[in-house]
Amino acid sequence: MWYWLAGNAGNAGIYEFLHLFLLYFYNQILGLPAYLASLAIAISITFDAVSDPMIGYLSDRFRHPLGRRIPFMLVSVIPTALCLILLFALQLEISHFALFSQMVLLTSLFRVAHTAYNIPREALGLELYRNYDERTVLWSNSRIAGTAGVGYSLAPVLLFFMAEDWSDPKGYLWSAVWVSVVFLGYSGYSTWRMRYIEVEYKLPPSANKTPSIRELWPEIKSLTTNKSWLALFFAMMFFGLNGGLNGGSALYLNNHLWHWGPQDLFFSGFIQLPGVVAAAIFIKALIDQRFDKKRLAIHLALAAVLTSPIFIGFRVIDIHYDTDILPPTGQGAFSFLWWLFCLNAFVQNFLWSGFWILIASMFSDIVEDEQKKTETRSEALVFSANNFLNKLVGNIGILGSGVMITWAGFDIAKTLAEKELAASYLGLIFILSGSISGLLAILTISRYRITRSIHQNHLEDLGYNQTDKS
């Protein structure tokens, strides 16, 4: 478990770093128009989406003395880290087209390399832990490890490399180097220590079939007719649209809506991140109560959807109607507004982290549901097929994010007041898209059908001994 979790510590730091800085860096620092930067990200995600099911399927059918997953992980760790550094090291400023081409190429290479690492890694966890509650513990611990990884990766970025503001290009480069080192350390360690853990000889014979397009199509067809998988797919589709639309906007909001500097966010992490850990501990504590994953996920999502617009909504109202609902901005860490900001972030992290832990666990249980139908065990394909479809759908939102940033006025805003007004428009989009997508996702999740008893029956019918994780 510890070796597997170390991989997510490296993953989480990279995810959070790119989410915060990639779009902002190419738009506000290098001067690439927001719609072109978003288009570059969308193109890279399309390549990533296509590679997901291919890598997932190959991983499910691969044969090697080290197992099905480890060879993919070993060869992809270094390319992933190298591409991340190059994304912030190279700055082709000859023309917008040259910069756009650079962003497309490097982001695409990064995403494909990272997919080759992460899809097999996630599937390996599902091989080792099959029980209904074990998987909830697995994904809860993964959230805790990821939170630690975010702390290790971003704390030096905010405290040292970014200095006093967000405008130093060298700060982004050294930050990328540091985050890559963290990823190499944790993910490389995880992969190396797990190289003898995967025990293929205990897998069913169907898991060792030779890769074949003829064999792949029936599996995909079966998966896309699975009602539980479809329920989660449509929920993730709505979240993907919302995530794409708001992707990369976090730094715009932190900088221009709330006026937080790097060190303000550094100190806020000590209050925000424990919300993730608290959610993981909360979910694990409920296991003895034999709770139903779907019901708890719906309750957490509903609470998050109802509360998330409140705080940012007050800020948008203050800007547009010249009110003073919230304390004034610009007073830095430990001001009254800062404490309210941190408290709100803690609550949202708690609710959404608990929700995503349960969703990951619910996806995991589809593996055995599909195995009963197809007589084939395909952990990676279950996850990667969902990634493929949702990334393609999310691209619509990502393209929209560039349009929204341009529409909000960031490409032409010069003064602080103009940028604050533009950020308020992004805040309004955040509220509307988050509320609508969240409610639609809740409706679709309600159609998920795998319960505790159904999953336990699957394990018994498939001949898995629940006391033996392998």
Protein backbone atom coordinates (compact mmCIF):
# COMPACT_ATOMS: atom_id res chain seq x y z
CA MET A 1 0.00 0.00 0.00
CA TRP A 2 2.74 2.49 0.94
CA TYR A 3 4.71 1.84 -2.23
CA TRP A 4 1.60 2.33 -4.37
CA LEU A 5 0.63 5.51 -2.51
CA ALA A 6 4.03 7.08 -3.11
CA GLY A 7 3.19 7.21 -6.81
CA ASN A 8 0.20 9.45 -6.14
CA ALA A 9 2.30 11.81 -4.06
CA GLY A 10 4.30 12.53 -7.21
CA ASN A 11 1.19 12.64 -9.41
CA ALA A 12 -0.75 15.12 -7.32
CA GLY A 13 2.04 17.70 -7.31
CA ILE A 14 2.27 17.69 -11.12
CA TYR A 15 -1.51 17.86 -11.56
CA GLU A 16 -1.89 20.80 -9.19
CA PHE A 17 1.10 22.66 -10.62
CA LEU A 18 -0.17 22.46 -14.19
CA HIS A 19 -3.73 23.28 -13.13
CA LEU A 20 -2.53 26.45 -11.43
CA PHE A 21 0.19 27.70 -13.73
CA LEU A 22 0.19 26.30 -17.30
CA LEU A 23 -2.53 28.46 -18.87
CA TYR A 24 -1.59 31.53 -16.85
CA PHE A 25 2.11 31.22 -17.76
CA TYR A 26 1.58 30.96 -21.49
CA ASN A 27 -1.12 33.66 -21.52
CA GLN A 28 -0.02 36.28 -18.99
CA ILE A 29 3.77 35.70 -18.95
CA LEU A 30 4.60 34.66 -22.53
CA GLY A 31 1.76 36.61 -24.13
CA LEU A 32 -0.01 33.83 -26.02
CA PRO A 33 -3.69 34.77 -26.46
CA ALA A 34 -5.92 32.84 -24.08
CA TYR A 35 -7.95 31.19 -26.84
CA LEU A 36 -4.75 29.85 -28.46
CA ALA A 37 -3.39 28.59 -25.13
CA SER A 38 -6.69 26.82 -24.44
CA LEU A 39 -6.70 25.36 -27.95
CA ALA A 40 -3.19 24.00 -27.37
CA ILE A 41 -4.32 22.32 -24.15
CA ALA A 42 -7.40 20.92 -25.90
CA ILE A 43 -5.31 19.42 -28.72
CA SER A 44 -2.92 17.83 -26.23
CA ILE A 45 -5.82 16.34 -24.27
CA THR A 46 -7.21 14.86 -27.50
CA PHE A 47 -3.93 12.99 -28.03
CA ASP A 48 -4.03 11.98 -24.37
CA ALA A 49 -7.62 10.78 -24.66
CA VAL A 50 -6.80 8.58 -27.64
CA SER A 51 -3.77 7.13 -25.87
CA ASP A 52 -5.72 6.29 -22.70
CA PRO A 53 -7.69 3.22 -23.90
CA MET A 54 -4.79 2.06 -26.07
CA ILE A 55 -2.34 2.10 -23.17
CA GLY A 56 -4.97 0.72 -20.82
CA TYR A 57 -5.78 -2.21 -23.07
CA LEU A 58 -2.12 -2.98 -23.78
CA SER A 59 -1.41 -2.84 -20.06
CA ASP A 60 -4.22 -5.31 -19.36
CA ARG A 61 -2.81 -7.76 -21.91
CA PHE A 62 0.94 -7.19 -21.54
CA ARG A 63 3.21 -10.06 -20.54
CA HIS A 64 6.55 -9.52 -18.82
CA PRO A 65 8.48 -11.07 -15.90
CA LEU A 66 7.82 -7.84 -13.94
CA GLY A 67 4.08 -8.07 -14.57
CA ARG A 68 1.57 -6.26 -16.74
CA ARG A 69 1.95 -2.76 -15.31
CA ILE A 70 5.48 -2.10 -14.06
CA PRO A 71 7.25 -2.01 -17.48
CA PHE A 72 4.97 0.83 -18.64
CA MET A 73 5.59 2.73 -15.43
CA LEU A 74 9.37 2.29 -15.56
CA VAL A 75 9.81 3.70 -19.07
CA SER A 76 7.49 6.70 -18.62
CA VAL A 77 8.65 8.35 -15.39
CA ILE A 78 11.69 10.21 -16.80
CA PRO A 79 9.97 11.43 -20.02
CA THR A 80 7.09 12.81 -17.94
CA ALA A 81 9.43 14.85 -15.75
CA LEU A 82 11.52 16.04 -18.71
CA CYS A 83 8.49 17.27 -20.67
CA LEU A 84 7.25 19.23 -17.65
CA ILE A 85 10.56 21.09 -17.40
CA LEU A 86 10.67 21.83 -21.12
CA LEU A 87 7.15 23.28 -20.98
CA PHE A 88 8.45 26.12 -18.82
CA ALA A 89 12.07 26.24 -20.05
CA LEU A 90 11.51 26.77 -23.78
CA GLN A 91 10.07 30.12 -24.78
CA LEU A 92 9.74 30.44 -28.56
CA GLU A 93 8.73 34.08 -28.81
CA ILE A 94 9.30 34.40 -32.57
CA SER A 95 5.57 34.43 -33.18
CA HIS A 96 2.32 33.34 -31.61
CA PHE A 97 2.25 30.37 -33.97
CA ALA A 98 5.70 29.21 -32.83
CA LEU A 99 4.73 29.52 -29.17
CA PHE A 100 1.42 27.79 -29.83
CA SER A 101 3.20 24.92 -31.63
CA GLN A 102 5.64 24.55 -28.75
CA MET A 103 2.80 24.36 -26.25
CA VAL A 104 0.89 21.78 -28.29
CA LEU A 105 3.92 19.53 -28.80
CA LEU A 106 5.27 19.58 -25.27
CA THR A 107 1.90 19.34 -23.55
CA SER A 108 0.91 16.41 -25.78
CA LEU A 109 4.16 14.57 -25.10
CA PHE A 110 3.80 15.20 -21.38
CA ARG A 111 0.23 13.90 -21.23
CA VAL A 112 0.92 10.74 -23.22
CA ALA A 113 4.03 9.96 -21.16
CA HIS A 114 2.15 10.51 -17.93
CA THR A 115 -0.78 8.37 -19.09
CA ALA A 116 1.68 5.52 -19.71
CA TYR A 117 2.66 5.83 -16.06
CA ASN A 118 -0.63 6.54 -14.33
CA ILE A 119 -3.16 4.25 -16.04
CA PRO A 120 -1.11 1.09 -15.24
CA ARG A 121 -0.44 2.42 -11.72
CA GLU A 122 -4.14 2.85 -10.96
CA ALA A 123 -4.96 -0.55 -12.44
CA LEU A 124 -2.29 -2.17 -10.28
CA GLY A 125 -4.04 -0.89 -7.17
CA LEU A 126 -7.29 -2.53 -8.29
CA GLU A 127 -5.49 -5.84 -8.84
CA LEU A 128 -4.20 -5.88 -5.30
CA TYR A 129 -7.38 -4.69 -3.54
CA ARG A 130 -10.79 -6.01 -4.60
CA ASN A 131 -13.05 -5.87 -1.57
CA TYR A 132 -15.84 -3.24 -1.40
CA ASP A 133 -14.34 -1.54 1.66
CA GLU A 134 -10.69 -2.17 0.80
CA ARG A 135 -11.02 -0.05 -2.29
CA THR A 136 -12.56 2.80 -0.35
CA VAL A 137 -9.58 2.66 2.00
CA LEU A 138 -7.26 2.51 -1.02
CA TRP A 139 -8.64 5.69 -2.57
CA SER A 140 -8.90 7.44 0.80
CA ASN A 141 -5.23 6.78 1.46
CA SER A 142 -4.47 7.88 -2.10
CA ARG A 143 -6.07 11.26 -1.35
CA ILE A 144 -3.95 11.65 1.77
CA ALA A 145 -0.77 10.77 -0.15
CA GLY A 146 -1.78 13.18 -2.89
CA THR A 147 -2.28 15.97 -0.37
CA ALA A 148 1.21 15.37 0.98
CA GLY A 149 2.55 15.45 -2.57
CA VAL A 150 0.84 18.78 -3.25
CA GLY A 151 2.39 20.18 -0.08
CA TYR A 152 5.89 18.97 -0.91
CA SER A 153 5.61 20.21 -4.49
CA LEU A 154 3.92 23.60 -4.10
CA ALA A 155 5.17 24.84 -0.73
CA PRO A 156 8.67 25.73 -2.05
CA VAL A 157 7.08 27.11 -5.23
CA LEU A 158 4.94 29.58 -3.31
CA LEU A 159 7.46 30.35 -0.60
CA PHE A 160 10.70 30.64 -2.59
CA PHE A 161 10.55 30.33 -6.38
CA MET A 162 7.71 32.76 -7.09
CA ALA A 163 9.21 35.44 -4.81
CA GLU A 164 6.73 38.28 -4.23
CA ASP A 165 4.47 38.06 -7.30
CA TRP A 166 3.32 35.94 -10.24
CA SER A 167 5.25 37.70 -13.04
CA ASP A 168 8.80 36.26 -12.87
CA PRO A 169 9.44 33.77 -15.75
CA LYS A 170 12.46 32.27 -13.94
CA GLY A 171 10.25 31.49 -10.97
CA TYR A 172 8.06 29.27 -13.14
CA LEU A 173 11.10 27.47 -14.56
CA TRP A 174 12.64 26.67 -11.19
CA SER A 175 9.21 25.68 -9.92
CA ALA A 176 8.84 23.21 -12.81
CA VAL A 177 12.29 21.77 -12.05
CA TRP A 178 11.39 21.30 -8.40
CA VAL A 179 8.01 19.68 -9.12
CA SER A 180 9.70 17.34 -11.62
CA VAL A 181 12.26 16.33 -9.01
CA VAL A 182 9.46 15.54 -6.54
CA PHE A 183 7.65 13.50 -9.19
CA LEU A 184 10.82 11.60 -10.11
CA GLY A 185 11.58 10.89 -6.48
CA TYR A 186 8.18 9.61 -5.42
CA SER A 187 7.01 7.97 -8.64
CA GLY A 188 10.40 6.47 -9.40
CA TYR A 189 10.65 5.09 -5.87
CA SER A 190 7.10 3.74 -6.05
CA THR A 191 7.68 1.97 -9.36
CA TRP A 192 11.02 0.50 -8.35
CA ARG A 193 9.77 -0.84 -5.02
CA MET A 194 6.67 -2.39 -6.65
CA ARG A 195 8.54 -4.12 -9.46
CA TYR A 196 8.08 -7.57 -7.87
CA ILE A 197 4.70 -7.04 -6.22
CA GLU A 198 2.43 -7.70 -9.18
CA VAL A 199 1.88 -11.47 -9.22
CA GLU A 200 0.43 -12.39 -12.59
CA TYR A 201 0.32 -16.09 -11.90
CA LYS A 202 -2.59 -15.51 -9.50
CA LEU A 203 -4.67 -13.70 -12.13
CA PRO A 204 -7.34 -15.62 -14.07
CA PRO A 205 -6.25 -17.01 -17.45
CA SER A 206 -8.48 -14.49 -19.26
CA ALA A 207 -6.32 -11.66 -17.95
CA ASN A 208 -3.34 -12.91 -19.96
CA LYS A 209 -4.89 -12.92 -23.41
CA THR A 210 -2.82 -11.59 -26.29
CA PRO A 211 -3.78 -8.02 -27.33
CA SER A 212 -6.17 -8.04 -30.28
CA ILE A 213 -8.46 -5.47 -31.90
CA ARG A 214 -11.01 -8.25 -32.34
CA GLU A 215 -10.96 -8.86 -28.58
CA LEU A 216 -10.96 -5.16 -27.70
CA TRP A 217 -14.18 -4.17 -29.45
CA PRO A 218 -16.52 -6.54 -27.53
CA GLU A 219 -15.02 -5.31 -24.25
CA ILE A 220 -15.60 -1.66 -25.13
CA LYS A 221 -19.12 -2.45 -26.36
CA SER A 222 -19.91 -4.26 -23.11
CA LEU A 223 -18.50 -1.42 -21.03
CA THR A 224 -20.50 1.25 -22.82
CA THR A 225 -23.72 -0.67 -22.19
CA ASN A 226 -23.00 -1.16 -18.49
CA LYS A 227 -25.61 0.96 -16.68
CA SER A 228 -23.42 1.67 -13.66
CA TRP A 229 -20.51 2.72 -15.85
CA LEU A 230 -22.80 4.91 -17.96
CA ALA A 231 -24.16 6.59 -14.82
CA LEU A 232 -20.65 7.54 -13.72
CA PHE A 233 -19.61 8.42 -17.25
CA PHE A 234 -22.36 11.00 -17.70
CA ALA A 235 -21.64 12.42 -14.26
CA MET A 236 -17.96 12.78 -15.17
CA MET A 237 -18.96 14.27 -18.51
CA PHE A 238 -20.73 17.13 -16.74
CA PHE A 239 -17.81 17.61 -14.38
CA GLY A 240 -15.42 17.44 -17.34
CA LEU A 241 -17.26 20.23 -19.11
CA ASN A 242 -17.20 22.31 -15.96
CA GLY A 243 -13.56 21.52 -15.22
CA GLY A 244 -12.55 22.39 -18.75
CA LEU A 245 -14.48 25.64 -18.71
CA ASN A 246 -12.84 26.68 -15.44
CA GLY A 247 -9.50 24.99 -16.13
CA GLY A 248 -6.57 27.26 -15.49
CA SER A 249 -8.72 30.03 -13.98
CA ALA A 250 -7.56 29.47 -10.39
CA LEU A 251 -4.55 31.76 -10.61
CA TYR A 252 -6.56 34.46 -12.39
CA LEU A 253 -9.04 34.40 -9.51
CA ASN A 254 -6.43 34.21 -6.74
CA ASN A 255 -4.39 37.03 -8.23
CA HIS A 256 -7.02 39.44 -9.51
CA LEU A 257 -10.26 38.61 -7.66
CA TRP A 258 -8.85 37.95 -4.20
CA HIS A 259 -5.44 39.68 -4.62
CA TRP A 260 -3.49 36.89 -2.93
CA GLY A 261 0.27 36.76 -3.42
CA PRO A 262 2.33 33.54 -3.49
CA GLN A 263 3.10 33.66 0.23
CA ASP A 264 -0.56 34.29 1.10
CA LEU A 265 -1.46 31.05 -0.67
CA PHE A 266 1.48 29.24 0.93
CA PHE A 267 0.18 29.93 4.43
CA SER A 268 -3.40 29.16 3.41
CA GLY A 269 -2.29 25.64 2.50
CA PHE A 270 -1.93 24.79 6.19
CA ILE A 271 -5.69 25.28 6.53
CA GLN A 272 -6.96 24.27 3.09
CA LEU A 273 -5.13 20.97 2.61
CA PRO A 274 -6.17 19.40 5.93
CA GLY A 275 -9.72 19.46 4.53
CA VAL A 276 -8.65 16.75 2.08
CA VAL A 277 -7.09 14.65 4.83
CA ALA A 278 -10.15 15.13 7.06
CA ALA A 279 -12.39 13.86 4.25
CA ALA A 280 -10.25 10.74 3.77
CA ILE A 281 -10.28 10.00 7.50
CA PHE A 282 -14.04 10.62 7.64
CA ILE A 283 -14.71 8.17 4.80
CA LYS A 284 -12.47 5.52 6.35
CA ALA A 285 -14.19 5.97 9.72
CA LEU A 286 -17.56 5.20 8.13
CA ILE A 287 -16.45 1.84 6.76
CA ASP A 288 -17.42 0.03 9.95
CA GLN A 289 -20.91 1.47 9.50
CA ARG A 290 -21.20 -0.42 6.20
CA PHE A 291 -22.33 2.69 4.36
CA ASP A 292 -23.51 2.80 0.74
CA LYS A 293 -21.03 4.62 -1.51
CA LYS A 294 -23.60 6.04 -3.91
CA ARG A 295 -25.83 7.56 -1.26
CA LEU A 296 -22.96 9.21 0.61
CA ALA A 297 -21.44 10.52 -2.65
CA ILE A 298 -24.75 12.16 -3.59
CA HIS A 299 -25.07 13.80 -0.15
CA LEU A 300 -21.53 15.19 -0.27
CA ALA A 301 -21.93 16.49 -3.83
CA LEU A 302 -25.24 18.15 -3.01
CA ALA A 303 -23.73 19.89 0.01
CA ALA A 304 -20.78 21.08 -2.10
CA VAL A 305 -22.95 22.36 -4.93
CA LEU A 306 -25.16 24.32 -2.52
CA THR A 307 -22.30 25.91 -0.57
CA SER A 308 -19.54 26.49 -3.15
CA PRO A 309 -21.14 29.57 -4.83
CA ILE A 310 -21.70 31.50 -1.59
CA PHE A 311 -18.25 32.90 -0.83
CA ILE A 312 -17.19 33.78 -4.37
CA GLY A 313 -20.71 35.06 -5.03
CA PHE A 314 -20.36 37.64 -2.23
CA ARG A 315 -17.09 38.84 -3.80
CA VAL A 316 -18.69 39.23 -7.24
CA ILE A 317 -21.57 41.19 -5.70
CA ASP A 318 -19.14 43.47 -3.85
CA ILE A 319 -17.35 44.31 -7.11
CA HIS A 320 -20.40 44.94 -9.26
CA TYR A 321 -22.62 46.68 -6.71
CA ASP A 322 -19.92 48.41 -4.63
CA THR A 323 -21.06 46.70 -1.43
CA ASP A 324 -19.01 45.54 1.54
CA ILE A 325 -20.39 42.09 2.31
CA LEU A 326 -16.85 40.70 2.63
CA PRO A 327 -13.85 42.40 4.28
CA PRO A 328 -11.55 44.39 1.94
CA THR A 329 -8.94 42.62 -0.20
CA GLY A 330 -5.22 43.34 -0.35
CA GLN A 331 -4.48 42.89 3.35
CA GLY A 332 -2.58 39.65 2.90
CA ALA A 333 -2.26 36.51 5.00
CA PHE A 334 -3.97 36.34 8.40
CA SER A 335 -6.40 39.15 7.56
CA PHE A 336 -10.07 38.54 8.31
CA LEU A 337 -10.81 37.90 4.61
CA TRP A 338 -7.90 35.45 4.45
CA TRP A 339 -9.34 33.44 7.34
CA LEU A 340 -12.76 33.33 5.67
CA PHE A 341 -11.12 32.29 2.39
CA CYS A 342 -9.24 29.45 4.11
CA LEU A 343 -12.32 28.26 6.01
CA ASN A 344 -14.36 28.15 2.80
CA ALA A 345 -11.55 26.25 1.03
CA PHE A 346 -11.34 23.76 3.92
CA VAL A 347 -15.06 23.01 3.69
CA GLN A 348 -15.02 22.67 -0.11
CA ASN A 349 -11.93 20.45 -0.01
CA PHE A 350 -13.62 18.25 2.58
CA LEU A 351 -16.83 17.85 0.59
CA TRP A 352 -15.34 17.39 -2.87
CA SER A 353 -12.47 15.15 -1.72
CA GLY A 354 -14.92 12.83 0.02
CA PHE A 355 -17.02 12.78 -3.12
CA TRP A 356 -14.12 11.95 -5.45
CA ILE A 357 -12.86 9.20 -3.13
CA LEU A 358 -16.24 7.50 -3.37
CA ILE A 359 -16.49 7.99 -7.15
CA ALA A 360 -13.07 6.36 -7.65
CA SER A 361 -14.13 3.46 -5.46
CA MET A 362 -17.42 3.11 -7.36
CA PHE A 363 -15.54 3.02 -10.67
CA SER A 364 -13.28 0.33 -9.23
CA ASP A 365 -16.21 -1.96 -8.47
CA ILE A 366 -17.24 -1.94 -12.13
CA VAL A 367 -14.15 -4.10 -12.88
CA GLU A 368 -15.72 -7.24 -11.40
CA ASP A 369 -19.15 -6.34 -12.80
CA GLU A 370 -17.59 -6.33 -16.27
CA GLN A 371 -15.55 -9.45 -15.59
CA LYS A 372 -18.73 -11.40 -14.94
CA LYS A 373 -20.15 -10.27 -18.28
CA THR A 374 -17.06 -10.66 -20.49
CA GLU A 375 -14.99 -13.21 -18.53
CA THR A 376 -12.08 -10.80 -18.97
CA ARG A 377 -10.39 -8.77 -16.29
CA SER A 378 -9.58 -5.27 -17.57
CA GLU A 379 -8.85 -2.85 -14.74
CA ALA A 380 -6.98 -0.36 -16.91
CA LEU A 381 -9.57 -0.40 -19.68
CA VAL A 382 -12.41 0.46 -17.28
CA PHE A 383 -10.57 3.57 -16.09
CA SER A 384 -9.06 4.53 -19.44
CA ALA A 385 -12.29 4.23 -21.44
CA ASN A 386 -13.90 6.69 -19.08
CA ASN A 387 -10.87 9.00 -19.37
CA PHE A 388 -11.02 8.80 -23.17
CA LEU A 389 -14.64 9.93 -23.46
CA ASN A 390 -14.51 12.52 -20.73
CA LYS A 391 -11.33 14.13 -21.98
CA LEU A 392 -12.86 14.52 -25.41
CA VAL A 393 -15.97 16.06 -23.87
CA GLY A 394 -13.88 18.20 -21.53
CA ASN A 395 -12.08 19.67 -24.54
CA ILE A 396 -15.24 21.59 -25.36
CA GLY A 397 -15.00 23.22 -21.96
CA ILE A 398 -11.27 23.88 -22.34
CA LEU A 399 -11.83 25.62 -25.66
CA GLY A 400 -14.59 27.56 -23.94
CA SER A 401 -12.23 28.60 -21.14
CA GLY A 402 -9.98 30.46 -23.56
CA VAL A 403 -13.00 32.19 -25.05
CA MET A 404 -14.27 33.05 -21.57
CA ILE A 405 -10.91 34.49 -20.47
CA THR A 406 -10.79 36.56 -23.63
CA TRP A 407 -14.46 37.54 -23.21
CA ALA A 408 -13.83 38.54 -19.61
CA GLY A 409 -11.23 41.00 -20.89
CA PHE A 410 -7.91 39.63 -19.68
CA ASP A 411 -6.22 39.87 -23.08
CA ILE A 412 -6.82 43.64 -23.16
CA ALA A 413 -6.98 44.52 -19.47
CA LYS A 414 -4.12 46.82 -18.45
CA THR A 415 -5.01 48.32 -15.08
CA LEU A 416 -5.59 46.48 -11.81
CA ALA A 417 -9.22 47.62 -11.81
CA GLU A 418 -9.79 46.21 -15.31
CA LYS A 419 -8.24 42.87 -14.33
CA GLU A 420 -10.35 42.73 -11.16
CA LEU A 421 -13.51 43.29 -13.20
CA ALA A 422 -12.44 40.60 -15.66
CA ALA A 423 -11.84 38.21 -12.75
CA SER A 424 -15.35 38.91 -11.45
CA TYR A 425 -16.77 37.71 -14.78
CA LEU A 426 -14.74 34.51 -14.43
CA GLY A 427 -16.13 34.15 -10.92
CA LEU A 428 -19.66 34.40 -12.27
CA ILE A 429 -18.91 31.68 -14.83
CA PHE A 430 -17.47 29.54 -12.02
CA ILE A 431 -20.71 29.86 -10.04
CA LEU A 432 -23.09 29.14 -12.91
CA SER A 433 -21.17 26.27 -14.51
CA GLY A 434 -20.38 24.62 -11.18
CA SER A 435 -23.97 24.69 -9.97
CA ILE A 436 -25.49 23.40 -13.21
CA SER A 437 -22.91 20.66 -13.81
CA GLY A 438 -23.05 19.53 -10.18
CA LEU A 439 -26.81 19.11 -10.12
CA LEU A 440 -26.83 17.24 -13.45
CA ALA A 441 -24.06 14.95 -12.20
CA ILE A 442 -26.01 14.14 -9.04
CA LEU A 443 -29.01 13.10 -11.13
CA THR A 444 -26.94 10.70 -13.23
CA ILE A 445 -25.05 9.20 -10.26
CA SER A 446 -28.39 8.19 -8.80
CA ARG A 447 -28.63 5.59 -11.62
CA TYR A 448 -25.54 3.69 -10.39
CA ARG A 449 -26.57 0.13 -9.45
CA ILE A 450 -23.67 -1.67 -7.77
CA THR A 451 -24.27 -2.07 -4.05
CA ARG A 452 -22.21 -3.71 -1.34
CA SER A 453 -24.14 -7.00 -1.62
CA ILE A 454 -23.97 -7.06 -5.42
CA HIS A 455 -20.20 -6.54 -5.37
CA GLN A 456 -19.66 -9.21 -2.73
CA ASN A 457 -21.69 -11.62 -4.83
CA HIS A 458 -19.50 -10.81 -7.83
CA LEU A 459 -16.36 -11.63 -5.83
CA GLU A 460 -17.81 -14.95 -4.68
CA ASP A 461 -19.03 -15.90 -8.15
CA LEU A 462 -15.62 -15.11 -9.65
CA GLY A 463 -13.85 -17.24 -7.05
CA TYR A 464 -11.88 -14.49 -5.32
CA ASN A 465 -11.01 -15.15 -1.71
CA GLN A 466 -11.84 -11.88 0.05
CA THR A 467 -9.31 -12.48 2.78
CA ASP A 468 -6.53 -12.65 0.19
CA LYS A 469 -5.98 -9.28 -1.50
CA SER A 470 -4.08 -10.84 -4.37
